[in-house]
Amino acid sequence: MQAITLDQYGTPEVLHLSDLPKPIPSDNQILIKMMATTVNSGDVRLRKADPFLVRLMFGFFKPKIKVLGNVISGIVEAVGKDVTAFKVSDEVFGLSDMTMGTYTYSANNTNFY
């Protein structure tokens, strides 16, 4: 899987394409094959550390979160054993929590994860 990642705060030039392992959902999680995501003002503020107080929550010298994005739209690809509300192939949309991570895609078929 590939993702747009950042290792430092700054302008859009700090973003780069990286290879990452495909995540495996835990017992109470689902894996979503991403079909669409967005870049919103929250992502831009985190990338720039604007306001400066962002650094207190997300890393003072460099960001703790390497993959931005929290808007999700896609298809459930895998479910954890404790998940009952979703099944594989369900179409879903929503927001991730503050762990972010929606700026990803599969290099093999350009579908998002």
N, C-alpha and C. Protein backbone atom coordinates (compact mmCIF):
# COMPACT_ATOMS: atom_id res chain seq x y z
N MET A 1 0.85 -1.16 0.00
CA MET A 1 0.00 0.00 0.00
C MET A 1 0.90 1.22 0.00
N GLN A 2 0.45 2.28 -0.65
CA GLN A 2 1.18 3.53 -0.65
C GLN A 2 0.35 4.60 0.04
N ALA A 3 1.04 5.60 0.59
CA ALA A 3 0.36 6.67 1.31
C ALA A 3 1.11 7.97 1.11
N ILE A 4 0.38 9.05 1.20
CA ILE A 4 0.99 10.38 1.23
C ILE A 4 1.33 10.66 2.69
N THR A 5 2.60 10.80 3.00
CA THR A 5 3.06 10.93 4.38
C THR A 5 3.79 12.25 4.58
N LEU A 6 3.97 12.61 5.85
CA LEU A 6 4.79 13.76 6.19
C LEU A 6 5.64 13.44 7.39
N ASP A 7 6.87 13.95 7.39
CA ASP A 7 7.82 13.73 8.48
C ASP A 7 8.14 15.02 9.21
N GLN A 8 7.65 16.14 8.69
CA GLN A 8 7.89 17.43 9.32
C GLN A 8 6.73 18.36 9.02
N TYR A 9 6.58 19.39 9.79
CA TYR A 9 5.56 20.40 9.53
C TYR A 9 6.03 21.32 8.41
N GLY A 10 5.07 21.87 7.65
CA GLY A 10 5.47 22.81 6.62
C GLY A 10 4.48 22.96 5.50
N THR A 11 4.99 23.40 4.37
CA THR A 11 4.21 23.65 3.17
C THR A 11 3.86 22.31 2.50
N PRO A 12 3.06 22.31 1.45
CA PRO A 12 2.71 21.05 0.79
C PRO A 12 3.92 20.24 0.31
N GLU A 13 5.06 20.88 0.14
CA GLU A 13 6.26 20.16 -0.31
C GLU A 13 6.78 19.14 0.70
N VAL A 14 6.33 19.20 1.96
CA VAL A 14 6.77 18.20 2.96
C VAL A 14 6.05 16.87 2.78
N LEU A 15 5.00 16.82 1.98
CA LEU A 15 4.26 15.59 1.71
C LEU A 15 4.99 14.77 0.67
N HIS A 16 5.06 13.45 0.86
CA HIS A 16 5.71 12.58 -0.11
C HIS A 16 5.04 11.21 -0.13
N LEU A 17 5.24 10.50 -1.22
CA LEU A 17 4.66 9.18 -1.41
C LEU A 17 5.55 8.13 -0.74
N SER A 18 4.95 7.28 0.10
CA SER A 18 5.70 6.26 0.83
C SER A 18 5.01 4.91 0.71
N ASP A 19 5.80 3.84 0.79
CA ASP A 19 5.25 2.48 0.86
C ASP A 19 5.04 2.12 2.33
N LEU A 20 3.85 1.63 2.66
CA LEU A 20 3.51 1.22 4.01
C LEU A 20 2.87 -0.16 3.98
N PRO A 21 2.98 -0.92 5.05
CA PRO A 21 2.28 -2.22 5.08
C PRO A 21 0.77 -2.00 5.15
N LYS A 22 0.02 -2.88 4.51
CA LYS A 22 -1.43 -2.80 4.56
C LYS A 22 -1.89 -3.14 5.97
N PRO A 23 -2.74 -2.32 6.58
CA PRO A 23 -3.17 -2.60 7.95
C PRO A 23 -4.08 -3.81 8.04
N ILE A 24 -4.04 -4.43 9.21
CA ILE A 24 -4.92 -5.57 9.51
C ILE A 24 -5.85 -5.11 10.64
N PRO A 25 -7.16 -5.20 10.43
CA PRO A 25 -8.07 -4.72 11.47
C PRO A 25 -8.01 -5.59 12.73
N SER A 26 -8.08 -4.94 13.89
CA SER A 26 -8.15 -5.69 15.15
C SER A 26 -9.57 -6.22 15.33
N ASP A 27 -9.83 -6.85 16.45
CA ASP A 27 -11.12 -7.51 16.67
C ASP A 27 -12.33 -6.59 16.52
N ASN A 28 -12.17 -5.32 16.89
CA ASN A 28 -13.32 -4.40 16.85
C ASN A 28 -13.18 -3.34 15.76
N GLN A 29 -12.42 -3.60 14.72
CA GLN A 29 -12.20 -2.64 13.65
C GLN A 29 -12.60 -3.22 12.30
N ILE A 30 -12.74 -2.31 11.32
CA ILE A 30 -12.95 -2.72 9.94
C ILE A 30 -11.87 -2.09 9.07
N LEU A 31 -11.56 -2.73 7.96
CA LEU A 31 -10.64 -2.19 6.97
C LEU A 31 -11.49 -1.73 5.79
N ILE A 32 -11.30 -0.48 5.40
CA ILE A 32 -12.10 0.11 4.32
C ILE A 32 -11.23 0.31 3.09
N LYS A 33 -11.68 -0.21 1.98
CA LYS A 33 -11.04 0.05 0.70
C LYS A 33 -11.50 1.44 0.27
N MET A 34 -10.60 2.38 0.33
CA MET A 34 -10.96 3.78 0.09
C MET A 34 -11.29 4.03 -1.38
N MET A 35 -12.39 4.71 -1.60
CA MET A 35 -12.78 5.12 -2.95
C MET A 35 -12.62 6.63 -3.12
N ALA A 36 -12.72 7.37 -2.00
CA ALA A 36 -12.55 8.82 -2.07
C ALA A 36 -12.20 9.35 -0.68
N THR A 37 -11.47 10.42 -0.67
CA THR A 37 -11.15 11.14 0.56
C THR A 37 -11.02 12.62 0.20
N THR A 38 -10.77 13.44 1.18
CA THR A 38 -10.66 14.88 0.92
C THR A 38 -9.42 15.45 1.59
N VAL A 39 -9.05 16.62 1.15
CA VAL A 39 -8.10 17.45 1.88
C VAL A 39 -8.92 18.61 2.41
N ASN A 40 -8.96 18.74 3.74
CA ASN A 40 -9.77 19.82 4.31
C ASN A 40 -8.89 20.75 5.14
N SER A 41 -9.49 21.78 5.66
CA SER A 41 -8.72 22.80 6.39
C SER A 41 -8.06 22.22 7.64
N GLY A 42 -8.66 21.22 8.27
CA GLY A 42 -8.03 20.59 9.42
C GLY A 42 -6.72 19.90 9.05
N ASP A 43 -6.72 19.22 7.91
CA ASP A 43 -5.49 18.57 7.44
C ASP A 43 -4.40 19.60 7.16
N VAL A 44 -4.79 20.70 6.54
CA VAL A 44 -3.83 21.76 6.23
C VAL A 44 -3.27 22.36 7.51
N ARG A 45 -4.12 22.59 8.49
CA ARG A 45 -3.65 23.15 9.77
C ARG A 45 -2.70 22.19 10.49
N LEU A 46 -2.98 20.90 10.45
CA LEU A 46 -2.07 19.93 11.06
C LEU A 46 -0.73 19.90 10.32
N ARG A 47 -0.78 19.91 8.99
CA ARG A 47 0.46 19.88 8.21
C ARG A 47 1.32 21.10 8.50
N LYS A 48 0.71 22.26 8.65
CA LYS A 48 1.45 23.50 8.89
C LYS A 48 1.72 23.76 10.37
N ALA A 49 1.08 22.98 11.27
CA ALA A 49 1.13 23.24 12.72
C ALA A 49 0.64 24.66 12.99
N ASP A 50 -0.54 24.97 12.45
CA ASP A 50 -1.14 26.30 12.58
C ASP A 50 -2.54 26.15 13.19
N PRO A 51 -2.78 26.60 14.39
CA PRO A 51 -1.90 27.43 15.21
C PRO A 51 -0.78 26.59 15.84
N PHE A 52 0.21 27.27 16.34
CA PHE A 52 1.39 26.63 16.91
C PHE A 52 1.03 25.62 17.99
N LEU A 53 -0.08 25.83 18.70
CA LEU A 53 -0.50 24.92 19.77
C LEU A 53 -0.80 23.50 19.26
N VAL A 54 -0.99 23.34 17.95
CA VAL A 54 -1.18 22.02 17.36
C VAL A 54 -0.03 21.10 17.77
N ARG A 55 1.15 21.67 17.89
CA ARG A 55 2.34 20.88 18.24
C ARG A 55 2.24 20.24 19.62
N LEU A 56 1.46 20.82 20.53
CA LEU A 56 1.31 20.23 21.85
C LEU A 56 0.58 18.90 21.80
N MET A 57 -0.35 18.75 20.86
CA MET A 57 -1.12 17.51 20.74
C MET A 57 -0.53 16.53 19.74
N PHE A 58 0.08 17.03 18.68
CA PHE A 58 0.48 16.17 17.57
C PHE A 58 1.99 16.04 17.38
N GLY A 59 2.77 16.51 18.33
CA GLY A 59 4.22 16.40 18.25
C GLY A 59 4.87 17.76 18.18
N PHE A 60 5.76 18.04 19.11
CA PHE A 60 6.33 19.38 19.18
C PHE A 60 7.32 19.65 18.05
N PHE A 61 8.26 18.74 17.80
CA PHE A 61 9.29 18.96 16.78
C PHE A 61 8.91 18.40 15.42
N LYS A 62 8.21 17.27 15.42
CA LYS A 62 7.75 16.68 14.17
C LYS A 62 6.43 15.98 14.44
N PRO A 63 5.60 15.80 13.42
CA PRO A 63 4.27 15.21 13.63
C PRO A 63 4.34 13.74 14.05
N LYS A 64 3.53 13.38 15.05
CA LYS A 64 3.40 11.97 15.44
C LYS A 64 2.58 11.20 14.41
N ILE A 65 1.63 11.89 13.81
CA ILE A 65 0.77 11.28 12.78
C ILE A 65 1.45 11.46 11.44
N LYS A 66 1.74 10.36 10.77
CA LYS A 66 2.47 10.40 9.50
C LYS A 66 1.55 10.47 8.28
N VAL A 67 0.30 9.97 8.42
CA VAL A 67 -0.65 9.97 7.30
C VAL A 67 -1.86 10.78 7.72
N LEU A 68 -2.12 11.87 7.02
CA LEU A 68 -3.25 12.73 7.35
C LEU A 68 -4.53 12.21 6.72
N GLY A 69 -5.62 12.94 6.93
CA GLY A 69 -6.90 12.62 6.34
C GLY A 69 -7.82 11.90 7.31
N ASN A 70 -9.06 12.39 7.43
CA ASN A 70 -9.99 11.71 8.32
C ASN A 70 -11.38 11.53 7.72
N VAL A 71 -11.56 11.85 6.46
CA VAL A 71 -12.84 11.65 5.78
C VAL A 71 -12.76 10.34 5.00
N ILE A 72 -13.73 9.46 5.22
CA ILE A 72 -13.68 8.11 4.67
C ILE A 72 -14.88 7.87 3.75
N SER A 73 -14.63 7.28 2.60
CA SER A 73 -15.68 6.79 1.72
C SER A 73 -15.14 5.58 0.99
N GLY A 74 -15.83 4.46 1.10
CA GLY A 74 -15.32 3.27 0.44
C GLY A 74 -16.14 2.04 0.71
N ILE A 75 -15.49 0.89 0.59
CA ILE A 75 -16.14 -0.42 0.71
C ILE A 75 -15.40 -1.22 1.78
N VAL A 76 -16.16 -1.86 2.67
CA VAL A 76 -15.56 -2.67 3.72
C VAL A 76 -14.85 -3.86 3.07
N GLU A 77 -13.56 -3.98 3.37
CA GLU A 77 -12.75 -5.05 2.80
C GLU A 77 -12.53 -6.19 3.79
N ALA A 78 -12.44 -5.86 5.07
CA ALA A 78 -12.24 -6.89 6.10
C ALA A 78 -12.84 -6.40 7.41
N VAL A 79 -13.30 -7.33 8.23
CA VAL A 79 -13.88 -6.98 9.53
C VAL A 79 -13.22 -7.81 10.62
N GLY A 80 -13.09 -7.21 11.80
CA GLY A 80 -12.60 -7.93 12.96
C GLY A 80 -13.66 -8.89 13.48
N LYS A 81 -13.25 -9.84 14.29
CA LYS A 81 -14.17 -10.89 14.74
C LYS A 81 -15.31 -10.38 15.62
N ASP A 82 -15.13 -9.24 16.28
CA ASP A 82 -16.18 -8.70 17.15
C ASP A 82 -17.11 -7.72 16.44
N VAL A 83 -16.90 -7.45 15.17
CA VAL A 83 -17.71 -6.48 14.42
C VAL A 83 -18.99 -7.16 13.94
N THR A 84 -20.13 -6.56 14.30
CA THR A 84 -21.42 -7.13 13.88
C THR A 84 -22.23 -6.17 13.01
N ALA A 85 -21.90 -4.88 13.02
CA ALA A 85 -22.69 -3.88 12.29
C ALA A 85 -22.31 -3.78 10.82
N PHE A 86 -21.16 -4.34 10.44
CA PHE A 86 -20.71 -4.25 9.05
C PHE A 86 -20.28 -5.62 8.56
N LYS A 87 -20.35 -5.79 7.22
CA LYS A 87 -19.85 -7.00 6.61
C LYS A 87 -19.03 -6.62 5.37
N VAL A 88 -18.22 -7.53 4.90
CA VAL A 88 -17.40 -7.29 3.72
C VAL A 88 -18.31 -6.92 2.56
N SER A 89 -17.92 -5.92 1.80
CA SER A 89 -18.59 -5.37 0.62
C SER A 89 -19.63 -4.30 0.95
N ASP A 90 -19.86 -3.99 2.23
CA ASP A 90 -20.75 -2.87 2.57
C ASP A 90 -20.12 -1.56 2.10
N GLU A 91 -20.93 -0.66 1.55
CA GLU A 91 -20.47 0.67 1.20
C GLU A 91 -20.63 1.57 2.42
N VAL A 92 -19.56 2.31 2.76
CA VAL A 92 -19.57 3.11 3.97
C VAL A 92 -18.97 4.49 3.71
N PHE A 93 -19.30 5.43 4.60
CA PHE A 93 -18.66 6.74 4.59
C PHE A 93 -18.68 7.26 6.01
N GLY A 94 -17.83 8.23 6.30
CA GLY A 94 -17.80 8.81 7.63
C GLY A 94 -16.49 9.49 7.92
N LEU A 95 -16.20 9.61 9.21
CA LEU A 95 -14.98 10.25 9.68
C LEU A 95 -14.20 9.27 10.54
N SER A 96 -12.88 9.25 10.37
CA SER A 96 -12.05 8.47 11.28
C SER A 96 -11.85 9.29 12.54
N ASP A 97 -11.29 8.67 13.55
CA ASP A 97 -10.98 9.45 14.75
C ASP A 97 -9.71 10.27 14.50
N MET A 98 -9.13 10.83 15.51
CA MET A 98 -7.98 11.71 15.32
C MET A 98 -6.69 10.94 15.00
N THR A 99 -6.77 9.63 14.78
CA THR A 99 -5.59 8.91 14.33
C THR A 99 -5.35 9.13 12.85
N MET A 100 -6.37 9.71 12.17
CA MET A 100 -6.27 10.07 10.76
C MET A 100 -6.01 8.84 9.89
N GLY A 101 -5.28 9.01 8.76
CA GLY A 101 -4.84 7.88 7.97
C GLY A 101 -5.57 7.59 6.69
N THR A 102 -6.31 8.53 6.11
CA THR A 102 -7.06 8.20 4.91
C THR A 102 -6.35 8.59 3.61
N TYR A 103 -5.15 9.14 3.68
CA TYR A 103 -4.42 9.49 2.46
C TYR A 103 -3.60 8.31 1.97
N THR A 104 -4.27 7.21 1.66
CA THR A 104 -3.59 5.98 1.24
C THR A 104 -4.25 5.39 0.02
N TYR A 105 -3.50 4.54 -0.70
CA TYR A 105 -4.08 3.79 -1.81
C TYR A 105 -3.20 2.59 -2.13
N SER A 106 -3.78 1.66 -2.85
CA SER A 106 -3.05 0.47 -3.27
C SER A 106 -2.37 0.75 -4.60
N ALA A 107 -1.08 0.54 -4.67
CA ALA A 107 -0.35 0.78 -5.91
C ALA A 107 -0.74 -0.21 -7.00
N ASN A 108 -1.27 -1.37 -6.61
CA ASN A 108 -1.61 -2.40 -7.59
C ASN A 108 -2.85 -2.06 -8.41
N ASN A 109 -3.84 -1.47 -7.77
CA ASN A 109 -5.08 -1.23 -8.50
C ASN A 109 -5.64 0.18 -8.29
N THR A 110 -4.87 1.06 -7.71
CA THR A 110 -5.23 2.46 -7.43
C THR A 110 -6.51 2.63 -6.63
N ASN A 111 -6.96 1.59 -5.94
CA ASN A 111 -8.07 1.76 -5.01
C ASN A 111 -7.52 2.25 -3.69
N PHE A 112 -8.30 3.05 -2.99
CA PHE A 112 -7.86 3.63 -1.73
C PHE A 112 -8.09 2.66 -0.59
N TYR A 113 -7.26 2.75 0.45
CA TYR A 113 -7.42 1.94 1.66
C TYR A 113 -7.47 2.85 2.86
